Amino acid sequence: HNGTVIGVEILSRENKDLLEDGIDMIVKVSIAVKRKIRVGDKMSGRHGNKGVVSVILPEEDMPHLEDGTPIDVMLNPQGVPSRMNIGQVLE
């Protein structure tokens, strides 16, 4: 796998970090990996709306407008008023 290190956090007794008995140091490395989305992946928008990928269809089975323009995301309209987040519709 190829990834990019996006963060390193070092916890140690020298730095007065609280660690369990017998542990002198913990190193946490965060790695970002680019990959295609899969069913079950959770995604979010810029307005705090989030959802889970439920199905991925071949392009020919995807919904489209009358002029052939593909639809990228579909929202359940029942979820918009209850969350009072108009930003997700505008996005």
N, C-alpha and C. Protein backbone atom coordinates (compact mmCIF):
# COMPACT_ATOMS: atom_id res chain seq x y z
N HIS A 1 0.83 -1.18 0.00
CA HIS A 1 0.00 0.00 0.00
C HIS A 1 0.88 1.24 0.00
N ASN A 2 0.44 2.23 -0.74
CA ASN A 2 1.11 3.52 -0.73
C ASN A 2 0.26 4.50 0.05
N GLY A 3 0.90 5.27 0.88
CA GLY A 3 0.18 6.26 1.67
C GLY A 3 1.08 7.43 1.99
N THR A 4 0.49 8.45 2.56
CA THR A 4 1.22 9.65 2.96
C THR A 4 1.03 9.85 4.45
N VAL A 5 2.14 10.02 5.15
CA VAL A 5 2.07 10.28 6.58
C VAL A 5 1.52 11.69 6.77
N ILE A 6 0.42 11.80 7.51
CA ILE A 6 -0.19 13.11 7.72
C ILE A 6 -0.08 13.56 9.18
N GLY A 7 0.44 12.70 10.02
CA GLY A 7 0.59 13.09 11.42
C GLY A 7 1.34 12.06 12.23
N VAL A 8 2.13 12.55 13.18
CA VAL A 8 2.85 11.68 14.12
C VAL A 8 2.65 12.26 15.51
N GLU A 9 2.22 11.43 16.43
CA GLU A 9 2.03 11.86 17.81
C GLU A 9 2.85 10.94 18.70
N ILE A 10 3.70 11.52 19.54
CA ILE A 10 4.56 10.75 20.43
C ILE A 10 4.16 11.04 21.87
N LEU A 11 3.80 10.00 22.58
CA LEU A 11 3.48 10.10 24.00
C LEU A 11 4.57 9.36 24.77
N SER A 12 5.12 10.01 25.81
CA SER A 12 6.18 9.36 26.57
C SER A 12 6.14 9.80 28.02
N ARG A 13 6.75 8.99 28.86
CA ARG A 13 6.85 9.35 30.28
C ARG A 13 7.74 10.57 30.45
N GLU A 14 8.76 10.73 29.59
CA GLU A 14 9.66 11.90 29.66
C GLU A 14 8.87 13.19 29.51
N ASN A 15 7.84 13.16 28.67
CA ASN A 15 7.02 14.36 28.43
C ASN A 15 5.87 14.48 29.43
N LYS A 16 5.89 13.63 30.46
CA LYS A 16 4.87 13.64 31.52
C LYS A 16 3.49 13.21 31.01
N ASP A 17 3.45 12.45 29.90
CA ASP A 17 2.19 11.92 29.42
C ASP A 17 1.76 10.76 30.32
N LEU A 18 0.46 10.61 30.54
CA LEU A 18 -0.04 9.53 31.37
C LEU A 18 -0.13 8.25 30.54
N LEU A 19 0.68 7.28 30.90
CA LEU A 19 0.70 6.00 30.19
C LEU A 19 0.45 4.88 31.19
N GLU A 20 -0.07 3.76 30.69
CA GLU A 20 -0.31 2.61 31.55
C GLU A 20 1.01 2.07 32.10
N ASP A 21 0.92 1.35 33.21
CA ASP A 21 2.12 0.74 33.79
C ASP A 21 2.79 -0.17 32.77
N GLY A 22 4.10 -0.10 32.71
CA GLY A 22 4.87 -0.94 31.80
C GLY A 22 5.03 -0.37 30.40
N ILE A 23 4.38 0.75 30.12
CA ILE A 23 4.50 1.38 28.79
C ILE A 23 5.28 2.67 28.95
N ASP A 24 6.41 2.76 28.24
CA ASP A 24 7.26 3.95 28.34
C ASP A 24 6.99 4.96 27.23
N MET A 25 6.53 4.48 26.06
CA MET A 25 6.32 5.39 24.93
C MET A 25 5.28 4.80 23.99
N ILE A 26 4.46 5.68 23.43
CA ILE A 26 3.51 5.30 22.39
C ILE A 26 3.73 6.25 21.22
N VAL A 27 3.84 5.68 20.03
CA VAL A 27 3.98 6.48 18.81
C VAL A 27 2.76 6.18 17.94
N LYS A 28 1.99 7.23 17.62
CA LYS A 28 0.81 7.09 16.77
C LYS A 28 1.12 7.75 15.43
N VAL A 29 1.00 6.97 14.35
CA VAL A 29 1.26 7.48 13.01
C VAL A 29 -0.04 7.43 12.22
N SER A 30 -0.46 8.57 11.67
CA SER A 30 -1.67 8.63 10.85
C SER A 30 -1.25 8.66 9.38
N ILE A 31 -1.84 7.77 8.59
CA ILE A 31 -1.48 7.65 7.18
C ILE A 31 -2.74 7.80 6.34
N ALA A 32 -2.68 8.67 5.34
CA ALA A 32 -3.79 8.86 4.40
C ALA A 32 -3.52 8.01 3.16
N VAL A 33 -4.52 7.25 2.76
CA VAL A 33 -4.40 6.39 1.58
C VAL A 33 -5.54 6.72 0.64
N LYS A 34 -5.22 7.01 -0.62
CA LYS A 34 -6.25 7.27 -1.62
C LYS A 34 -6.72 5.94 -2.18
N ARG A 35 -8.05 5.77 -2.21
CA ARG A 35 -8.62 4.56 -2.79
C ARG A 35 -10.03 4.88 -3.26
N LYS A 36 -10.59 4.00 -4.06
CA LYS A 36 -11.96 4.18 -4.52
C LYS A 36 -12.91 3.88 -3.38
N ILE A 37 -14.05 4.56 -3.38
CA ILE A 37 -15.02 4.32 -2.32
C ILE A 37 -15.60 2.92 -2.47
N ARG A 38 -16.06 2.38 -1.33
CA ARG A 38 -16.66 1.05 -1.30
C ARG A 38 -17.97 1.13 -0.52
N VAL A 39 -18.81 0.13 -0.72
CA VAL A 39 -20.05 0.03 0.05
C VAL A 39 -19.68 -0.02 1.54
N GLY A 40 -20.35 0.79 2.33
CA GLY A 40 -20.08 0.84 3.76
C GLY A 40 -19.22 2.02 4.17
N ASP A 41 -18.57 2.69 3.20
CA ASP A 41 -17.75 3.86 3.52
C ASP A 41 -18.66 5.01 3.95
N LYS A 42 -18.22 5.74 4.95
CA LYS A 42 -18.97 6.90 5.44
C LYS A 42 -18.37 8.16 4.83
N MET A 43 -19.23 9.03 4.32
CA MET A 43 -18.76 10.28 3.72
C MET A 43 -19.51 11.43 4.35
N SER A 44 -18.91 12.62 4.29
CA SER A 44 -19.58 13.79 4.84
C SER A 44 -19.37 14.98 3.92
N GLY A 45 -20.30 15.92 4.00
CA GLY A 45 -20.20 17.15 3.23
C GLY A 45 -19.64 18.26 4.10
N ARG A 46 -19.58 19.45 3.53
CA ARG A 46 -19.01 20.59 4.25
C ARG A 46 -19.98 21.18 5.26
N HIS A 47 -21.22 20.72 5.28
CA HIS A 47 -22.23 21.30 6.16
C HIS A 47 -22.62 20.36 7.29
N GLY A 48 -21.81 19.34 7.52
CA GLY A 48 -22.08 18.42 8.63
C GLY A 48 -23.00 17.28 8.26
N ASN A 49 -23.48 17.27 7.02
CA ASN A 49 -24.31 16.14 6.60
C ASN A 49 -23.42 14.94 6.34
N LYS A 50 -23.91 13.76 6.63
CA LYS A 50 -23.10 12.57 6.42
C LYS A 50 -23.99 11.43 5.96
N GLY A 51 -23.37 10.46 5.35
CA GLY A 51 -24.12 9.31 4.87
C GLY A 51 -23.18 8.15 4.61
N VAL A 52 -23.78 7.00 4.35
CA VAL A 52 -23.02 5.78 4.10
C VAL A 52 -23.31 5.32 2.68
N VAL A 53 -22.27 4.91 1.96
CA VAL A 53 -22.43 4.40 0.61
C VAL A 53 -23.19 3.07 0.71
N SER A 54 -24.37 3.01 0.10
CA SER A 54 -25.19 1.81 0.22
C SER A 54 -25.10 0.91 -1.01
N VAL A 55 -24.86 1.50 -2.16
CA VAL A 55 -24.76 0.69 -3.38
C VAL A 55 -23.92 1.46 -4.40
N ILE A 56 -23.14 0.73 -5.18
CA ILE A 56 -22.37 1.31 -6.29
C ILE A 56 -22.80 0.57 -7.54
N LEU A 57 -23.33 1.32 -8.50
CA LEU A 57 -23.87 0.73 -9.71
C LEU A 57 -22.99 1.04 -10.91
N PRO A 58 -23.06 0.21 -11.96
CA PRO A 58 -22.37 0.56 -13.20
C PRO A 58 -22.96 1.87 -13.75
N GLU A 59 -22.16 2.61 -14.48
CA GLU A 59 -22.58 3.92 -14.98
C GLU A 59 -23.89 3.86 -15.76
N GLU A 60 -24.08 2.81 -16.55
CA GLU A 60 -25.30 2.72 -17.37
C GLU A 60 -26.56 2.49 -16.52
N ASP A 61 -26.40 2.04 -15.29
CA ASP A 61 -27.54 1.82 -14.40
C ASP A 61 -27.80 3.01 -13.47
N MET A 62 -26.96 4.02 -13.55
CA MET A 62 -27.11 5.18 -12.66
C MET A 62 -28.20 6.11 -13.18
N PRO A 63 -28.88 6.83 -12.27
CA PRO A 63 -29.90 7.78 -12.71
C PRO A 63 -29.27 8.96 -13.45
N HIS A 64 -30.04 9.56 -14.32
CA HIS A 64 -29.55 10.72 -15.08
C HIS A 64 -30.73 11.61 -15.43
N LEU A 65 -30.40 12.85 -15.77
CA LEU A 65 -31.43 13.80 -16.19
C LEU A 65 -31.85 13.49 -17.63
N GLU A 66 -32.91 14.14 -18.07
CA GLU A 66 -33.41 13.89 -19.43
C GLU A 66 -32.36 14.18 -20.50
N ASP A 67 -31.48 15.17 -20.24
CA ASP A 67 -30.45 15.51 -21.23
C ASP A 67 -29.22 14.61 -21.13
N GLY A 68 -29.25 13.62 -20.24
CA GLY A 68 -28.13 12.69 -20.10
C GLY A 68 -27.14 13.05 -19.02
N THR A 69 -27.31 14.20 -18.37
CA THR A 69 -26.40 14.61 -17.29
C THR A 69 -26.51 13.63 -16.13
N PRO A 70 -25.38 13.04 -15.70
CA PRO A 70 -25.44 12.07 -14.61
C PRO A 70 -25.72 12.74 -13.26
N ILE A 71 -26.36 12.00 -12.36
CA ILE A 71 -26.62 12.47 -11.00
C ILE A 71 -25.56 11.85 -10.10
N ASP A 72 -24.83 12.69 -9.38
CA ASP A 72 -23.74 12.21 -8.53
C ASP A 72 -24.22 11.74 -7.17
N VAL A 73 -25.15 12.48 -6.56
CA VAL A 73 -25.61 12.18 -5.21
C VAL A 73 -27.12 12.34 -5.15
N MET A 74 -27.78 11.41 -4.46
CA MET A 74 -29.21 11.54 -4.24
C MET A 74 -29.45 11.63 -2.74
N LEU A 75 -30.28 12.58 -2.34
CA LEU A 75 -30.65 12.74 -0.94
C LEU A 75 -32.08 12.27 -0.74
N ASN A 76 -32.35 11.68 0.41
CA ASN A 76 -33.71 11.35 0.76
C ASN A 76 -34.37 12.64 1.24
N PRO A 77 -35.40 13.13 0.57
CA PRO A 77 -35.99 14.41 0.95
C PRO A 77 -36.56 14.42 2.36
N GLN A 78 -36.89 13.26 2.91
CA GLN A 78 -37.42 13.21 4.27
C GLN A 78 -36.34 13.56 5.30
N GLY A 79 -35.07 13.44 4.92
CA GLY A 79 -34.00 13.72 5.86
C GLY A 79 -33.60 15.18 5.93
N VAL A 80 -34.07 15.99 4.99
CA VAL A 80 -33.66 17.40 4.95
C VAL A 80 -34.38 18.25 6.00
N PRO A 81 -35.74 18.26 6.03
CA PRO A 81 -36.41 19.13 7.02
C PRO A 81 -36.11 18.74 8.46
N SER A 82 -36.03 17.45 8.73
CA SER A 82 -35.82 17.02 10.11
C SER A 82 -34.47 17.45 10.65
N ARG A 83 -33.50 17.62 9.77
CA ARG A 83 -32.16 18.03 10.21
C ARG A 83 -31.97 19.54 10.11
N MET A 84 -32.90 20.22 9.45
CA MET A 84 -32.84 21.68 9.29
C MET A 84 -31.47 22.14 8.80
N ASN A 85 -30.94 21.45 7.80
CA ASN A 85 -29.61 21.74 7.27
C ASN A 85 -29.75 22.03 5.78
N ILE A 86 -30.17 23.24 5.44
CA ILE A 86 -30.38 23.61 4.04
C ILE A 86 -29.06 23.63 3.27
N GLY A 87 -27.95 23.78 3.98
CA GLY A 87 -26.64 23.79 3.32
C GLY A 87 -26.36 22.54 2.53
N GLN A 88 -26.85 21.39 3.00
CA GLN A 88 -26.59 20.15 2.27
C GLN A 88 -27.31 20.14 0.93
N VAL A 89 -28.46 20.79 0.85
CA VAL A 89 -29.19 20.87 -0.41
C VAL A 89 -28.46 21.80 -1.37
N LEU A 90 -27.96 22.92 -0.85
CA LEU A 90 -27.26 23.88 -1.70
C LEU A 90 -25.93 23.33 -2.18
N GLU A 91 -25.30 22.48 -1.38
CA GLU A 91 -24.02 21.90 -1.77
C GLU A 91 -24.23 20.96 -2.93
